[in-house]
Amino acid sequence: MALHFLVPEAAAATVGDLVALTGAEAKHAAVVRRLRVGESVTIGDGAGVWLTGAAESVAPTRVEVRVDGRADVEAPTPRIVLVQALAKGDRDELAVQAACELGVDEIVPWQASRSVSRWEGPKAAKGRERWATIVREAAKQAHRAWVPEVAAVASTADLVTRATAARVLVLDPRAETRLTQLRPDGRDVVLVVGPEGGVSDEEIDRLVDAGAERVLLGDTVLRTSTAGPAAIAVLSAALGRW
């Protein structure tokens, strides 16, 4: 499979144009992946534009690709949104990476009451930037035409607001309805995954009162790093993406 790169300038490119990779993208192509002149690549802007072409010149500081094809890929609908509770260690980051590879459309960091990790002050911006970097690299690896957005860290009150406009599903090992039993209804799906300690009763009550549904993923209790990706796989099949 051809190497894939993300370049904002891809949005305006047409067949016959030269698109340049510079900075980290050029170094990655020339030094890490050892791209050669004449080799085919794909380039996207992360917002639906998909270019194909071949490298005309390759250097560590600049790689030029001649475009020979362009497609404009529509965004998937309905959307799948992962609300991932902040977790200790790198477990939340592992969830974010896998969710992006599996096709999630938006990721929302959630400051749950039982989250050990706390994003406060400057740490909130730094954490969001870190997740956005993880998402970008995962999207490149997965050859995705659309790079998921990483939203600002959300409170439970923010999730309650989302429940008024989208279908919010809260993963709860005590729920009676299995995720596999649900049928799409056309609304965006917002999947809420708690931290290692789980979603608190108070948080569940607030979300359910706002219209959220409690769902059971399976008979075993998964870590926060695997619960979201596993549920996304189930939803992708139900929505006909797979």
Foldseek 3Di string as FASTA:
>chain_A
DAAEEADQVLVPDDAFDKDKDFDPRLQCCCPVVNADFQGKHWYANQQFKIWIFTWHDHDNGMIITHTHDIDGGDQDPPAEEEAAEAAPDCLSLLQLLLQLLLPHAAYEYEPAPPHPDDQDDPSQVVVLVVSLVSQNVSCSVSVHNHGHYYDGHDYLVVLLVVLLQFAEEEEDQPDDAALLPDADDRGRYYYYFYAQVGHDPVSVVSNVVSPYHYHYHDNDDDHSSVPNSSSSNSVCVRVVVD
